[in-house]
Amino acid sequence: MTPAAASSSAHETVRLAGSGIQLTADVYGPDGAPVVLLLHGGGQTRHAWGGAGGVFAAAGYRAISVDLRGHSDSDWSPDGDYALQKFADDLITIARGCDEPPALVGASLGGLASMLALATVARERTAPLATSLVLVDVAPRVETEGRIRIQEFMRSGMRGFDTLDDAADAIASYNPHRPRPKDPSGLTKNLRERGDGRWYWHWDPRFISSRSGMDGQRGNVAHEQLREAARLISIPTLLVRGRMSDIVSDESVRELQELVPHAEVVDVAEAGHMVAGDRNDIFNHAVIDFVSRVMPVR
């Protein structure tokens, strides 16, 4: 199956139960169709998947793009705890609420949480959590240079921006290979204007405060923990890697293939860590082709 020529952008916004909190999600596609859970990276929002959600819907799937805890319109952790297991527990709760096991598509933090969620369920020896896993430019081994660059970008915006144009400039500096939008108004999906007139990223500052790991996680993203989690992944797995990424290296790919021998790998040229945004067309084609082989539309 290949992606439909036109996407279905119609969606509804709903609230879903996470692990002790409520999460906000956009839902695309018909009720009763096979479900694809779309999980964004740290500091992003559910809107990062707007294009993919519409394409999945047009292909006959029900795509659910979730704001992770502490991000955008989802609840913040009451105690400020954003350990990776918290995100994994939310994912388990959402997936268990589906009529049938969904496909998981996780970018960066979303991919890390997916690996840990799958391992948690595997150790419990309960019913399968998902039909398949797509890791979007993330693997158990996360390169230090890219991790630090993400940290610096996220921390640099914690003081807010005078204008949306200033925020657009910051993003363009972080992603120099991507054209800067002429109209920055779309950034209101990711920023909120506060009483001081400045614009702030719409995520809980405690997510990144006093943490040294990628996407707000402590240390080197608990490499050994993720290695052990990857060993337990038995469902069909695809890694979509941006060839320009400074997060996933050749060594990262080799390690993943050792840990998950059945994993497929797609390299996307002219794409960095934000693969879906950099080359949305190639990304959608690769992911829908993979998901449709594992979980065809009935």
C-alpha atoms as a PDB file:
ATOM      1  CA  MET A   1       0.000   0.000   0.000  1.00  0.00           C
ATOM      2  CA  THR A   2       1.206   3.497  -0.782  1.00  0.00           C
ATOM      3  CA  PRO A   3      -0.011   6.745   0.802  1.00  0.00           C
ATOM      4  CA  ALA A   4      -3.122   8.252  -0.671  1.00  0.00           C
ATOM      5  CA  ALA A   5      -2.547  11.173  -2.984  1.00  0.00           C
ATOM      6  CA  ALA A   6      -4.452  13.480  -0.670  1.00  0.00           C
ATOM      7  CA  SER A   7      -4.488  13.441   3.092  1.00  0.00           C
ATOM      8  CA  SER A   8      -7.522  13.703   5.338  1.00  0.00           C
ATOM      9  CA  SER A   9      -6.804  16.636   7.650  1.00  0.00           C
ATOM     10  CA  ALA A  10     -10.157  16.472   9.482  1.00  0.00           C
ATOM     11  CA  HIS A  11      -9.706  15.476  13.094  1.00  0.00           C
ATOM     12  CA  GLU A  12     -11.203  15.752  16.556  1.00  0.00           C
ATOM     13  CA  THR A  13      -9.398  16.675  19.745  1.00  0.00           C
ATOM     14  CA  VAL A  14     -10.027  14.390  22.706  1.00  0.00           C
ATOM     15  CA  ARG A  15      -8.831  13.734  26.239  1.00  0.00           C
ATOM     16  CA  LEU A  16      -7.359  10.334  27.038  1.00  0.00           C
ATOM     17  CA  ALA A  17      -6.433   8.663  30.302  1.00  0.00           C
ATOM     18  CA  GLY A  18      -2.716   8.378  30.941  1.00  0.00           C
ATOM     19  CA  SER A  19      -1.078   6.918  34.023  1.00  0.00           C
ATOM     20  CA  GLY A  20      -2.719   9.056  36.704  1.00  0.00           C
ATOM     21  CA  ILE A  21      -3.141  12.110  34.466  1.00  0.00           C
ATOM     22  CA  GLN A  22      -5.155  13.216  31.428  1.00  0.00           C
ATOM     23  CA  LEU A  23      -3.576  13.623  28.001  1.00  0.00           C
ATOM     24  CA  THR A  24      -4.785  15.552  24.958  1.00  0.00           C
ATOM     25  CA  ALA A  25      -4.767  13.965  21.500  1.00  0.00           C
ATOM     26  CA  ASP A  26      -5.861  14.682  17.935  1.00  0.00           C
ATOM     27  CA  VAL A  27      -7.667  11.768  16.289  1.00  0.00           C
ATOM     28  CA  TYR A  28      -7.724  11.282  12.518  1.00  0.00           C
ATOM     29  CA  GLY A  29      -9.636   8.653  10.576  1.00  0.00           C
ATOM     30  CA  PRO A  30     -12.666   6.428  11.099  1.00  0.00           C
ATOM     31  CA  ASP A  31     -13.677   4.785  14.348  1.00  0.00           C
ATOM     32  CA  GLY A  32     -13.019   1.047  14.276  1.00  0.00           C
ATOM     33  CA  ALA A  33     -10.069   1.280  11.889  1.00  0.00           C
ATOM     34  CA  PRO A  34      -6.632  -0.087  12.897  1.00  0.00           C
ATOM     35  CA  VAL A  35      -4.992   2.388  15.266  1.00  0.00           C
ATOM     36  CA  VAL A  36      -1.622   4.078  14.860  1.00  0.00           C
ATOM     37  CA  LEU A  37      -0.316   5.946  17.915  1.00  0.00           C
ATOM     38  CA  LEU A  38       1.897   8.922  17.020  1.00  0.00           C
ATOM     39  CA  LEU A  39       4.266  10.020  19.792  1.00  0.00           C
ATOM     40  CA  HIS A  40       6.308  13.200  19.428  1.00  0.00           C
ATOM     41  CA  GLY A  41       9.757  14.125  20.711  1.00  0.00           C
ATOM     42  CA  GLY A  42      10.676  16.133  23.779  1.00  0.00           C
ATOM     43  CA  GLY A  43       9.633  19.768  23.565  1.00  0.00           C
ATOM     44  CA  GLN A  44       7.308  19.101  20.624  1.00  0.00           C
ATOM     45  CA  THR A  45       3.518  18.709  20.550  1.00  0.00           C
ATOM     46  CA  ARG A  46       0.888  16.541  18.903  1.00  0.00           C
ATOM     47  CA  HIS A  47       0.829  19.038  16.029  1.00  0.00           C
ATOM     48  CA  ALA A  48       4.184  17.697  14.837  1.00  0.00           C
ATOM     49  CA  TRP A  49       2.211  14.788  13.347  1.00  0.00           C
ATOM     50  CA  GLY A  50      -0.516  16.798  11.609  1.00  0.00           C
ATOM     51  CA  GLY A  51       0.634  15.792   8.128  1.00  0.00           C
ATOM     52  CA  ALA A  52       1.234  12.144   8.990  1.00  0.00           C
ATOM     53  CA  GLY A  53      -2.083  11.869  10.820  1.00  0.00           C
ATOM     54  CA  GLY A  54      -3.970  13.040   7.755  1.00  0.00           C
ATOM     55  CA  VAL A  55      -2.116  10.667   5.450  1.00  0.00           C
ATOM     56  CA  PHE A  56      -2.734   7.697   7.730  1.00  0.00           C
ATOM     57  CA  ALA A  57      -6.433   8.584   7.843  1.00  0.00           C
ATOM     58  CA  ALA A  58      -6.601   8.774   4.061  1.00  0.00           C
ATOM     59  CA  ALA A  59      -5.022   5.309   3.925  1.00  0.00           C
ATOM     60  CA  GLY A  60      -7.784   3.899   6.137  1.00  0.00           C
ATOM     61  CA  TYR A  61      -6.183   4.050   9.582  1.00  0.00           C
ATOM     62  CA  ARG A  62      -7.220   5.789  12.798  1.00  0.00           C
ATOM     63  CA  ALA A  63      -4.229   7.899  13.786  1.00  0.00           C
ATOM     64  CA  ILE A  64      -4.010   9.234  17.337  1.00  0.00           C
ATOM     65  CA  SER A  65      -1.418  11.964  17.878  1.00  0.00           C
ATOM     66  CA  VAL A  66      -0.845  12.444  21.594  1.00  0.00           C
ATOM     67  CA  ASP A  67       0.580  15.358  23.559  1.00  0.00           C
ATOM     68  CA  LEU A  68       3.000  13.664  25.948  1.00  0.00           C
ATOM     69  CA  ARG A  69       2.709  14.503  29.640  1.00  0.00           C
ATOM     70  CA  GLY A  70       4.004  17.962  30.459  1.00  0.00           C
ATOM     71  CA  HIS A  71       3.615  19.080  26.845  1.00  0.00           C
ATOM     72  CA  SER A  72       1.101  21.392  25.178  1.00  0.00           C
ATOM     73  CA  ASP A  73      -2.467  20.662  26.335  1.00  0.00           C
ATOM     74  CA  SER A  74      -1.777  17.469  28.306  1.00  0.00           C
ATOM     75  CA  ASP A  75      -1.549  17.530  32.095  1.00  0.00           C
ATOM     76  CA  TRP A  76       1.800  18.202  33.735  1.00  0.00           C
ATOM     77  CA  SER A  77       3.237  15.685  36.207  1.00  0.00           C
ATOM     78  CA  PRO A  78       1.910  16.858  39.599  1.00  0.00           C
ATOM     79  CA  ASP A  79       5.253  16.106  41.270  1.00  0.00           C
ATOM     80  CA  GLY A  80       7.400  17.283  38.356  1.00  0.00           C
ATOM     81  CA  ASP A  81       8.633  13.736  37.707  1.00  0.00           C
ATOM     82  CA  TYR A  82       9.424  13.175  34.012  1.00  0.00           C
ATOM     83  CA  ALA A  83      11.426   9.970  34.246  1.00  0.00           C
ATOM     84  CA  LEU A  84      11.216   7.953  31.050  1.00  0.00           C
ATOM     85  CA  GLN A  85       9.130   5.274  32.758  1.00  0.00           C
ATOM     86  CA  LYS A  86       6.382   7.858  33.340  1.00  0.00           C
ATOM     87  CA  PHE A  87       6.006   8.356  29.585  1.00  0.00           C
ATOM     88  CA  ALA A  88       6.117   4.595  29.050  1.00  0.00           C
ATOM     89  CA  ASP A  89       3.359   4.058  31.615  1.00  0.00           C
ATOM     90  CA  ASP A  90       1.164   6.645  29.861  1.00  0.00           C
ATOM     91  CA  LEU A  91       1.709   4.845  26.570  1.00  0.00           C
ATOM     92  CA  ILE A  92       0.800   1.478  28.068  1.00  0.00           C
ATOM     93  CA  THR A  93      -2.438   2.939  29.430  1.00  0.00           C
ATOM     94  CA  ILE A  94      -3.378   4.459  26.064  1.00  0.00           C
ATOM     95  CA  ALA A  95      -2.511   1.343  24.060  1.00  0.00           C
ATOM     96  CA  ARG A  96      -4.453  -0.888  26.449  1.00  0.00           C
ATOM     97  CA  GLY A  97      -7.463   1.361  25.904  1.00  0.00           C
ATOM     98  CA  CYS A  98      -7.535   0.540  22.184  1.00  0.00           C
ATOM     99  CA  ASP A  99      -9.836  -2.231  20.944  1.00  0.00           C
ATOM    100  CA  GLU A 100      -6.874  -3.961  19.284  1.00  0.00           C
ATOM    101  CA  PRO A 101      -3.116  -3.506  19.751  1.00  0.00           C
ATOM    102  CA  PRO A 102      -2.020  -0.404  17.799  1.00  0.00           C
ATOM    103  CA  ALA A 103       1.081   0.358  15.782  1.00  0.00           C
ATOM    104  CA  LEU A 104       3.515   2.647  17.609  1.00  0.00           C
ATOM    105  CA  VAL A 105       5.304   5.480  15.810  1.00  0.00           C
ATOM    106  CA  GLY A 106       7.651   7.297  18.171  1.00  0.00           C
ATOM    107  CA  ALA A 107      10.037  10.145  17.431  1.00  0.00           C
ATOM    108  CA  SER A 108      12.927  10.763  19.829  1.00  0.00           C
ATOM    109  CA  LEU A 109      11.376  10.785  23.323  1.00  0.00           C
ATOM    110  CA  GLY A 110       8.291   9.063  21.914  1.00  0.00           C
ATOM    111  CA  GLY A 111      10.480   6.286  20.527  1.00  0.00           C
ATOM    112  CA  LEU A 112      12.405   5.875  23.781  1.00  0.00           C
ATOM    113  CA  ALA A 113       9.127   5.633  25.708  1.00  0.00           C
ATOM    114  CA  SER A 114       7.838   3.079  23.196  1.00  0.00           C
ATOM    115  CA  MET A 115      10.873   0.819  23.669  1.00  0.00           C
ATOM    116  CA  LEU A 116      10.544   0.959  27.440  1.00  0.00           C
ATOM    117  CA  ALA A 117       6.771   0.365  27.309  1.00  0.00           C
ATOM    118  CA  LEU A 118       7.209  -2.713  25.126  1.00  0.00           C
ATOM    119  CA  ALA A 119       9.877  -4.083  27.464  1.00  0.00           C
ATOM    120  CA  THR A 120       7.704  -3.430  30.536  1.00  0.00           C
ATOM    121  CA  VAL A 121       4.835  -5.425  29.040  1.00  0.00           C
ATOM    122  CA  ALA A 122       7.163  -8.185  27.800  1.00  0.00           C
ATOM    123  CA  ARG A 123       8.496  -8.688  31.327  1.00  0.00           C
ATOM    124  CA  GLU A 124       4.931  -8.883  32.658  1.00  0.00           C
ATOM    125  CA  ARG A 125       4.184 -11.621  30.089  1.00  0.00           C
ATOM    126  CA  THR A 126       0.775 -10.121  29.406  1.00  0.00           C
ATOM    127  CA  ALA A 127      -1.033  -9.608  26.093  1.00  0.00           C
ATOM    128  CA  PRO A 128       0.979  -7.892  23.340  1.00  0.00           C
ATOM    129  CA  LEU A 129       0.976  -4.111  23.595  1.00  0.00           C
ATOM    130  CA  ALA A 130       1.394  -3.286  19.901  1.00  0.00           C
ATOM    131  CA  THR A 131       1.550  -4.805  16.430  1.00  0.00           C
ATOM    132  CA  SER A 132       4.658  -2.963  15.321  1.00  0.00           C
ATOM    133  CA  LEU A 133       7.134  -0.243  16.234  1.00  0.00           C
ATOM    134  CA  VAL A 134       8.522   2.626  14.168  1.00  0.00           C
ATOM    135  CA  LEU A 135      11.454   4.450  15.739  1.00  0.00           C
ATOM    136  CA  VAL A 136      11.907   7.882  14.202  1.00  0.00           C
ATOM    137  CA  ASP A 137      15.592   8.851  14.414  1.00  0.00           C
ATOM    138  CA  VAL A 138      16.187   7.333  17.806  1.00  0.00           C
ATOM    139  CA  ALA A 139      17.899   4.211  19.116  1.00  0.00           C
ATOM    140  CA  PRO A 140      19.242   3.007  22.474  1.00  0.00           C
ATOM    141  CA  ARG A 141      22.568   4.672  21.664  1.00  0.00           C
ATOM    142  CA  VAL A 142      22.125   8.450  21.485  1.00  0.00           C
ATOM    143  CA  GLU A 143      25.125  10.460  20.291  1.00  0.00           C
ATOM    144  CA  THR A 144      26.410  12.958  22.848  1.00  0.00           C
ATOM    145  CA  GLU A 145      26.923  15.842  20.411  1.00  0.00           C
ATOM    146  CA  GLY A 146      23.325  15.761  19.234  1.00  0.00           C
ATOM    147  CA  ARG A 147      22.002  15.298  22.749  1.00  0.00           C
ATOM    148  CA  ILE A 148      23.853  18.376  23.970  1.00  0.00           C
ATOM    149  CA  ARG A 149      22.636  20.423  21.010  1.00  0.00           C
ATOM    150  CA  ILE A 150      19.035  19.540  21.854  1.00  0.00           C
ATOM    151  CA  GLN A 151      19.573  20.469  25.501  1.00  0.00           C
ATOM    152  CA  GLU A 152      21.063  23.826  24.597  1.00  0.00           C
ATOM    153  CA  PHE A 153      18.227  24.620  22.209  1.00  0.00           C
ATOM    154  CA  MET A 154      15.564  23.739  24.762  1.00  0.00           C
ATOM    155  CA  ARG A 155      17.257  25.629  27.571  1.00  0.00           C
ATOM    156  CA  SER A 156      17.807  28.701  25.390  1.00  0.00           C
ATOM    157  CA  GLY A 157      14.067  29.232  25.055  1.00  0.00           C
ATOM    158  CA  MET A 158      13.180  28.895  28.716  1.00  0.00           C
ATOM    159  CA  ARG A 159      13.411  32.676  29.192  1.00  0.00           C
ATOM    160  CA  GLY A 160      10.855  33.168  26.446  1.00  0.00           C
ATOM    161  CA  PHE A 161      10.898  35.225  23.240  1.00  0.00           C
ATOM    162  CA  ASP A 162       9.871  38.834  22.662  1.00  0.00           C
ATOM    163  CA  THR A 163       8.108  37.931  19.411  1.00  0.00           C
ATOM    164  CA  LEU A 164       7.168  34.900  17.324  1.00  0.00           C
ATOM    165  CA  ASP A 165       9.758  36.060  14.793  1.00  0.00           C
ATOM    166  CA  ASP A 166      12.433  35.690  17.469  1.00  0.00           C
ATOM    167  CA  ALA A 167      11.261  32.144  18.116  1.00  0.00           C
ATOM    168  CA  ALA A 168      11.322  31.409  14.375  1.00  0.00           C
ATOM    169  CA  ASP A 169      14.900  32.708  14.233  1.00  0.00           C
ATOM    170  CA  ALA A 170      15.904  30.371  17.072  1.00  0.00           C
ATOM    171  CA  ILE A 171      14.377  27.382  15.287  1.00  0.00           C
ATOM    172  CA  ALA A 172      16.071  28.338  12.018  1.00  0.00           C
ATOM    173  CA  SER A 173      19.402  28.491  13.824  1.00  0.00           C
ATOM    174  CA  TYR A 174      18.826  25.009  15.255  1.00  0.00           C
ATOM    175  CA  ASN A 175      17.632  23.610  11.900  1.00  0.00           C
ATOM    176  CA  PRO A 176      19.604  25.616   9.319  1.00  0.00           C
ATOM    177  CA  HIS A 177      18.840  23.125   6.532  1.00  0.00           C
ATOM    178  CA  ARG A 178      15.090  23.779   6.823  1.00  0.00           C
ATOM    179  CA  PRO A 179      13.572  26.944   5.260  1.00  0.00           C
ATOM    180  CA  ARG A 180      12.501  29.497   7.836  1.00  0.00           C
ATOM    181  CA  PRO A 181       8.710  30.032   7.657  1.00  0.00           C
ATOM    182  CA  LYS A 182       7.753  33.433   6.272  1.00  0.00           C
ATOM    183  CA  ASP A 183       4.719  33.514   8.546  1.00  0.00           C
ATOM    184  CA  PRO A 184       5.585  32.489  12.132  1.00  0.00           C
ATOM    185  CA  SER A 185       1.950  32.422  13.284  1.00  0.00           C
ATOM    186  CA  GLY A 186       1.959  28.618  13.074  1.00  0.00           C
ATOM    187  CA  LEU A 187       4.253  28.612  16.098  1.00  0.00           C
ATOM    188  CA  THR A 188       1.295  29.474  18.309  1.00  0.00           C
ATOM    189  CA  LYS A 189       0.672  25.698  18.371  1.00  0.00           C
ATOM    190  CA  ASN A 190       3.935  25.337  20.269  1.00  0.00           C
ATOM    191  CA  LEU A 191       4.195  28.624  22.191  1.00  0.00           C
ATOM    192  CA  ARG A 192       1.944  30.519  24.554  1.00  0.00           C
ATOM    193  CA  GLU A 193       1.952  34.253  25.294  1.00  0.00           C
ATOM    194  CA  ARG A 194       2.052  34.973  29.007  1.00  0.00           C
ATOM    195  CA  GLY A 195       1.167  38.016  31.051  1.00  0.00           C
ATOM    196  CA  ASP A 196       4.598  39.572  30.531  1.00  0.00           C
ATOM    197  CA  GLY A 197       3.962  39.708  26.767  1.00  0.00           C
ATOM    198  CA  ARG A 198       6.677  37.149  25.973  1.00  0.00           C
ATOM    199  CA  TRP A 199       6.221  33.837  24.192  1.00  0.00           C
ATOM    200  CA  TYR A 200       7.175  30.587  25.941  1.00  0.00           C
ATOM    201  CA  TRP A 201       7.408  26.997  24.785  1.00  0.00           C
ATOM    202  CA  HIS A 202       4.292  25.206  25.969  1.00  0.00           C
ATOM    203  CA  TRP A 203       5.875  22.507  28.109  1.00  0.00           C
ATOM    204  CA  ASP A 204       6.576  22.160  31.804  1.00  0.00           C
ATOM    205  CA  PRO A 205       9.970  23.788  32.578  1.00  0.00           C
ATOM    206  CA  ARG A 206      10.576  21.015  35.105  1.00  0.00           C
ATOM    207  CA  PHE A 207      10.861  18.635  32.157  1.00  0.00           C
ATOM    208  CA  ILE A 208      14.311  20.023  31.336  1.00  0.00           C
ATOM    209  CA  SER A 209      15.394  21.762  34.561  1.00  0.00           C
ATOM    210  CA  SER A 210      18.368  20.211  36.351  1.00  0.00           C
ATOM    211  CA  ARG A 211      18.585  17.337  33.901  1.00  0.00           C
ATOM    212  CA  SER A 212      21.484  16.467  31.667  1.00  0.00           C
ATOM    213  CA  GLY A 213      20.123  13.885  29.257  1.00  0.00           C
ATOM    214  CA  MET A 214      18.501  14.081  25.853  1.00  0.00           C
ATOM    215  CA  ASP A 215      14.848  15.105  25.800  1.00  0.00           C
ATOM    216  CA  GLY A 216      14.926  15.894  29.505  1.00  0.00           C
ATOM    217  CA  GLN A 217      16.155  12.496  30.606  1.00  0.00           C
ATOM    218  CA  ARG A 218      18.947  12.154  33.136  1.00  0.00           C
ATOM    219  CA  GLY A 219      22.429  11.134  32.000  1.00  0.00           C
ATOM    220  CA  ASN A 220      22.981   9.390  28.699  1.00  0.00           C
ATOM    221  CA  VAL A 221      19.334   8.393  28.347  1.00  0.00           C
ATOM    222  CA  ALA A 222      19.950   5.285  30.478  1.00  0.00           C
ATOM    223  CA  HIS A 223      21.756   3.517  27.650  1.00  0.00           C
ATOM    224  CA  GLU A 224      22.009   0.156  29.396  1.00  0.00           C
ATOM    225  CA  GLN A 225      18.341   0.277  30.379  1.00  0.00           C
ATOM    226  CA  LEU A 226      17.364   0.916  26.771  1.00  0.00           C
ATOM    227  CA  ARG A 227      19.713  -1.781  25.480  1.00  0.00           C
ATOM    228  CA  GLU A 228      17.986  -4.311  27.723  1.00  0.00           C
ATOM    229  CA  ALA A 229      14.596  -2.992  26.632  1.00  0.00           C
ATOM    230  CA  ALA A 230      15.510  -3.348  22.952  1.00  0.00           C
ATOM    231  CA  ARG A 231      16.516  -6.986  23.459  1.00  0.00           C
ATOM    232  CA  LEU A 232      12.912  -7.718  24.457  1.00  0.00           C
ATOM    233  CA  ILE A 233      11.336  -6.224  21.320  1.00  0.00           C
ATOM    234  CA  SER A 234       9.878  -9.051  19.259  1.00  0.00           C
ATOM    235  CA  ILE A 235       7.333  -7.228  17.111  1.00  0.00           C
ATOM    236  CA  PRO A 236       8.168  -5.930  13.593  1.00  0.00           C
ATOM    237  CA  THR A 237      10.373  -2.861  13.960  1.00  0.00           C
ATOM    238  CA  LEU A 238      11.447  -0.089  11.607  1.00  0.00           C
ATOM    239  CA  LEU A 239      14.040   2.616  12.211  1.00  0.00           C
ATOM    240  CA  VAL A 240      13.588   5.700  10.041  1.00  0.00           C
ATOM    241  CA  ARG A 241      16.860   7.603  10.258  1.00  0.00           C
ATOM    242  CA  GLY A 242      17.724  11.058   9.006  1.00  0.00           C
ATOM    243  CA  ARG A 243      21.059  10.839   7.217  1.00  0.00           C
ATOM    244  CA  MET A 244      21.925  14.327   8.510  1.00  0.00           C
ATOM    245  CA  SER A 245      21.051  13.384  12.093  1.00  0.00           C
ATOM    246  CA  ASP A 246      23.518  14.026  14.896  1.00  0.00           C
ATOM    247  CA  ILE A 247      21.479  11.797  17.233  1.00  0.00           C
ATOM    248  CA  VAL A 248      21.583   8.433  15.421  1.00  0.00           C
ATOM    249  CA  SER A 249      24.968   7.398  14.026  1.00  0.00           C
ATOM    250  CA  ASP A 250      26.121   4.384  12.013  1.00  0.00           C
ATOM    251  CA  GLU A 251      27.181   2.870  15.344  1.00  0.00           C
ATOM    252  CA  SER A 252      23.675   3.485  16.719  1.00  0.00           C
ATOM    253  CA  VAL A 253      22.172   1.616  13.767  1.00  0.00           C
ATOM    254  CA  ARG A 254      24.571  -1.305  14.065  1.00  0.00           C
ATOM    255  CA  GLU A 255      23.845  -1.663  17.776  1.00  0.00           C
ATOM    256  CA  LEU A 256      20.084  -1.585  17.201  1.00  0.00           C
ATOM    257  CA  GLN A 257      20.379  -4.306  14.553  1.00  0.00           C
ATOM    258  CA  GLU A 258      22.379  -6.444  16.980  1.00  0.00           C
ATOM    259  CA  LEU A 259      19.784  -5.961  19.710  1.00  0.00           C
ATOM    260  CA  VAL A 260      16.767  -6.258  17.384  1.00  0.00           C
ATOM    261  CA  PRO A 261      18.001  -8.450  14.493  1.00  0.00           C
ATOM    262  CA  HIS A 262      14.685  -8.296  12.656  1.00  0.00           C
ATOM    263  CA  ALA A 263      14.642  -4.477  12.587  1.00  0.00           C
ATOM    264  CA  GLU A 264      14.406  -2.787   9.203  1.00  0.00           C
ATOM    265  CA  VAL A 265      16.197   0.496   8.520  1.00  0.00           C
ATOM    266  CA  VAL A 266      15.274   3.296   6.137  1.00  0.00           C
ATOM    267  CA  ASP A 267      17.719   6.160   5.646  1.00  0.00           C
ATOM    268  CA  VAL A 268      16.184   9.474   4.588  1.00  0.00           C
ATOM    269  CA  ALA A 269      18.583  11.726   2.718  1.00  0.00           C
ATOM    270  CA  GLU A 270      18.486  15.490   3.335  1.00  0.00           C
ATOM    271  CA  ALA A 271      16.783  14.952   6.700  1.00  0.00           C
ATOM    272  CA  GLY A 272      18.052  15.600  10.197  1.00  0.00           C
ATOM    273  CA  HIS A 273      16.678  14.562  13.569  1.00  0.00           C
ATOM    274  CA  MET A 274      13.228  15.955  12.703  1.00  0.00           C
ATOM    275  CA  VAL A 275      12.761  13.467   9.876  1.00  0.00           C
ATOM    276  CA  ALA A 276       8.996  13.789   9.490  1.00  0.00           C
ATOM    277  CA  GLY A 277       9.231  17.565   9.159  1.00  0.00           C
ATOM    278  CA  ASP A 278      12.299  17.601   6.924  1.00  0.00           C
ATOM    279  CA  ARG A 279      11.098  15.053   4.338  1.00  0.00           C
ATOM    280  CA  ASN A 280       7.435  14.458   5.076  1.00  0.00           C
ATOM    281  CA  ASP A 281       6.750  12.774   1.735  1.00  0.00           C
ATOM    282  CA  ILE A 282       9.477  10.134   2.039  1.00  0.00           C
ATOM    283  CA  PHE A 283       8.738   9.600   5.718  1.00  0.00           C
ATOM    284  CA  ASN A 284       5.023   9.002   5.148  1.00  0.00           C
ATOM    285  CA  HIS A 285       5.681   6.598   2.284  1.00  0.00           C
ATOM    286  CA  ALA A 286       8.173   4.506   4.272  1.00  0.00           C
ATOM    287  CA  VAL A 287       6.096   4.345   7.443  1.00  0.00           C
ATOM    288  CA  ILE A 288       2.726   3.618   5.841  1.00  0.00           C
ATOM    289  CA  ASP A 289       4.286   0.955   3.625  1.00  0.00           C
ATOM    290  CA  PHE A 290       5.751  -0.724   6.716  1.00  0.00           C
ATOM    291  CA  VAL A 291       2.618  -0.451   8.881  1.00  0.00           C
ATOM    292  CA  SER A 292       0.354  -1.702   6.088  1.00  0.00           C
ATOM    293  CA  ARG A 293       2.454  -4.860   5.698  1.00  0.00           C
ATOM    294  CA  VAL A 294       2.156  -5.612   9.408  1.00  0.00           C
ATOM    295  CA  MET A 295      -1.327  -4.262  10.134  1.00  0.00           C
ATOM    296  CA  PRO A 296      -3.321  -4.080   6.870  1.00  0.00           C
ATOM    297  CA  VAL A 297      -6.591  -2.194   6.695  1.00  0.00           C
ATOM    298  CA  ARG A 298      -9.447  -4.671   6.702  1.00  0.00           C
END
